[in-house]
Amino acid sequence: MDAEELLRRYEAGERDFSGVWLIDKNLSGIILREADLSNGHLDGITLTDTDLRRANLSRARLHEAAFNGANLEGADLSYVVCGQTSLSEVNLSHAKLRKAKLTETSFLNSNLSYADFTGARDFEIYGCRGATFFETIMPDGSSIRSDSI
């Protein structure tokens, strides 16, 4: 599916795009609130400054994807597979990243308040400089209650 078709179908009211293949596409600024992109192949996609609140991205592939400045509040990223993915300056409050594979994923200056990383793999705290943590559930199940790291 190309970006134009996805936009046309979204504007027509469709929200289920599970299994979609959108590789190396720039969809900056798009509104995909509550969209189902589960099992999607989004390698190399640019979704900067996008609205993905409460979107379902579970089991999606996000290698070398860029979400800088995106709003992923309440989104489901459980079992997502990331590699060299940028989630910098992203609102991930209340997001689920359970059992996500987060290889070389950056969360610089992101809001991780109330996010759930239970069982996430390859989560590196040094990739979270400037991030806000409040009641954040870490991969080991512990909770960080401070404001930032």
Protein backbone atom coordinates (compact mmCIF):
# COMPACT_ATOMS: atom_id res chain seq x y z
CA MET A 1 0.00 0.00 0.00
CA ASP A 2 1.31 3.45 -0.79
CA ALA A 3 0.99 6.49 1.46
CA GLU A 4 -1.72 8.12 -0.67
CA GLU A 5 -3.96 5.06 -0.47
CA LEU A 6 -3.47 4.80 3.28
CA LEU A 7 -4.42 8.47 3.70
CA ARG A 8 -7.45 8.14 1.43
CA ARG A 9 -8.73 5.09 3.33
CA TYR A 10 -8.06 6.70 6.73
CA GLU A 11 -9.95 9.85 5.73
CA ALA A 12 -12.84 7.63 4.57
CA GLY A 13 -13.08 6.26 8.11
CA GLU A 14 -11.08 3.05 7.86
CA ARG A 15 -8.85 2.38 10.87
CA ASP A 16 -7.70 -1.23 10.36
CA PHE A 17 -4.40 -1.31 8.49
CA SER A 18 -3.05 -4.40 10.21
CA GLY A 19 -0.32 -6.11 8.23
CA VAL A 20 0.28 -3.07 6.02
CA TRP A 21 3.67 -2.70 4.30
CA LEU A 22 4.86 0.93 4.28
CA ILE A 23 8.60 0.84 3.73
CA ASP A 24 10.72 3.99 3.33
CA LYS A 25 7.74 6.34 3.33
CA ASN A 26 7.54 9.83 4.79
CA LEU A 27 4.20 10.36 6.49
CA SER A 28 5.25 13.25 8.74
CA GLY A 29 2.38 15.10 10.35
CA ILE A 30 -0.22 12.43 9.54
CA ILE A 31 -3.11 11.74 11.91
CA LEU A 32 -3.53 8.01 12.55
CA ARG A 33 -5.27 8.22 15.90
CA GLU A 34 -6.60 4.80 16.99
CA ALA A 35 -5.43 3.20 13.72
CA ASP A 36 -4.58 -0.51 13.71
CA LEU A 37 -1.09 -0.92 12.27
CA SER A 38 -0.45 -4.19 14.09
CA ASN A 39 1.85 -6.62 12.32
CA GLY A 40 2.77 -3.81 9.93
CA HIS A 41 6.12 -3.56 8.20
CA LEU A 42 7.15 0.04 8.72
CA ASP A 43 10.90 -0.26 8.21
CA GLY A 44 12.51 3.06 7.33
CA ILE A 45 9.26 5.00 7.74
CA THR A 46 9.28 8.62 8.88
CA LEU A 47 6.36 9.49 11.16
CA THR A 48 7.66 12.66 12.76
CA ASP A 49 5.13 14.97 14.41
CA THR A 50 2.34 12.42 13.84
CA ASP A 51 -0.74 11.75 15.94
CA LEU A 52 -0.79 8.05 16.79
CA ARG A 53 -2.67 8.33 20.07
CA ARG A 54 -4.13 4.97 21.11
CA ALA A 55 -2.90 3.39 17.85
CA ASN A 56 -2.20 -0.34 17.74
CA LEU A 57 1.35 -0.96 16.54
CA SER A 58 1.72 -4.32 18.31
CA ARG A 59 4.03 -6.77 16.58
CA ALA A 60 5.02 -4.13 13.98
CA ARG A 61 8.55 -3.95 12.51
CA LEU A 62 10.07 -0.50 12.95
CA HIS A 63 13.70 -0.86 11.85
CA GLU A 64 15.37 2.50 11.17
CA ALA A 65 12.03 4.29 11.65
CA ALA A 66 11.75 7.88 12.90
CA PHE A 67 8.92 9.01 15.18
CA ASN A 68 10.52 12.22 16.48
CA GLY A 69 7.96 14.55 18.03
CA ALA A 70 5.10 12.06 17.56
CA ASN A 71 2.22 11.60 19.98
CA LEU A 72 1.94 7.91 20.90
CA GLU A 73 0.00 8.45 24.11
CA GLY A 74 -1.78 5.23 25.07
CA ALA A 75 -0.47 3.40 21.98
CA ASP A 76 0.12 -0.35 22.02
CA LEU A 77 3.65 -1.20 20.93
CA SER A 78 3.72 -4.63 22.59
CA TYR A 79 6.02 -7.10 20.86
CA VAL A 80 7.19 -4.38 18.44
CA VAL A 81 10.61 -5.01 16.86
CA CYS A 82 12.84 -1.93 16.69
CA GLY A 83 16.37 -1.52 15.39
CA GLN A 84 18.04 1.88 15.23
CA THR A 85 14.63 3.46 15.79
CA SER A 86 14.23 7.05 16.95
CA LEU A 87 11.49 7.75 19.46
CA SER A 88 13.04 11.03 20.58
CA GLU A 89 10.85 13.83 21.92
CA VAL A 90 7.86 11.48 21.71
CA ASN A 91 4.88 11.37 24.05
CA LEU A 92 4.71 7.71 25.12
CA SER A 93 2.72 8.31 28.29
CA HIS A 94 0.48 5.35 29.11
CA ALA A 95 1.93 3.43 26.13
CA LYS A 96 2.41 -0.34 26.27
CA LEU A 97 5.82 -1.60 25.15
CA ARG A 98 5.50 -5.03 26.75
CA LYS A 99 7.98 -7.58 25.43
CA ALA A 100 9.15 -5.10 22.78
CA LYS A 101 12.58 -5.62 21.22
CA LEU A 102 14.22 -2.20 21.46
CA THR A 103 17.66 -2.64 19.90
CA GLU A 104 19.43 0.73 19.60
CA THR A 105 16.18 2.62 20.20
CA SER A 106 16.43 6.24 21.31
CA PHE A 107 13.96 7.78 23.77
CA LEU A 108 15.85 11.06 24.24
CA ASN A 109 13.71 13.80 25.83
CA SER A 110 10.57 11.64 25.57
CA ASN A 111 7.66 11.43 27.99
CA LEU A 112 7.68 7.87 29.35
CA SER A 113 5.28 8.55 32.23
CA TYR A 114 3.09 5.55 33.04
CA ALA A 115 4.60 3.60 30.09
CA ASP A 116 4.83 -0.17 30.53
CA PHE A 117 8.10 -1.79 29.39
CA THR A 118 7.46 -5.12 31.16
CA GLY A 119 9.61 -7.81 29.58
CA ALA A 120 11.10 -5.47 26.95
CA ARG A 121 14.44 -6.60 25.55
CA ASP A 122 17.50 -4.50 24.72
CA PHE A 123 16.11 -1.48 26.60
CA GLU A 124 19.09 0.79 27.29
CA ILE A 125 18.67 3.48 29.92
CA TYR A 126 21.46 5.59 28.39
CA GLY A 127 19.22 6.04 25.33
CA CYS A 128 16.73 7.85 27.59
CA ARG A 129 18.69 11.01 28.46
CA GLY A 130 16.31 13.83 29.27
CA ALA A 131 13.30 11.50 29.27
CA THR A 132 10.54 11.92 31.83
CA PHE A 133 9.78 8.87 33.96
CA PHE A 134 6.86 8.82 36.37
CA GLU A 135 5.30 5.53 37.47
CA THR A 136 7.06 3.95 34.49
CA ILE A 137 7.19 0.15 34.61
CA MET A 138 10.66 -1.04 33.65
CA PRO A 139 11.48 -4.32 31.85
CA ASP A 140 12.15 -6.13 35.13
CA GLY A 141 8.77 -5.06 36.52
CA SER A 142 10.16 -2.40 38.84
CA SER A 143 8.71 1.08 38.75
CA ILE A 144 10.56 4.37 38.37
CA ARG A 145 8.81 7.10 40.28
CA SER A 146 11.15 10.02 39.60
CA ASP A 147 10.61 12.84 37.14
CA SER A 148 13.57 12.35 34.81
CA ILE A 149 16.86 10.57 34.28
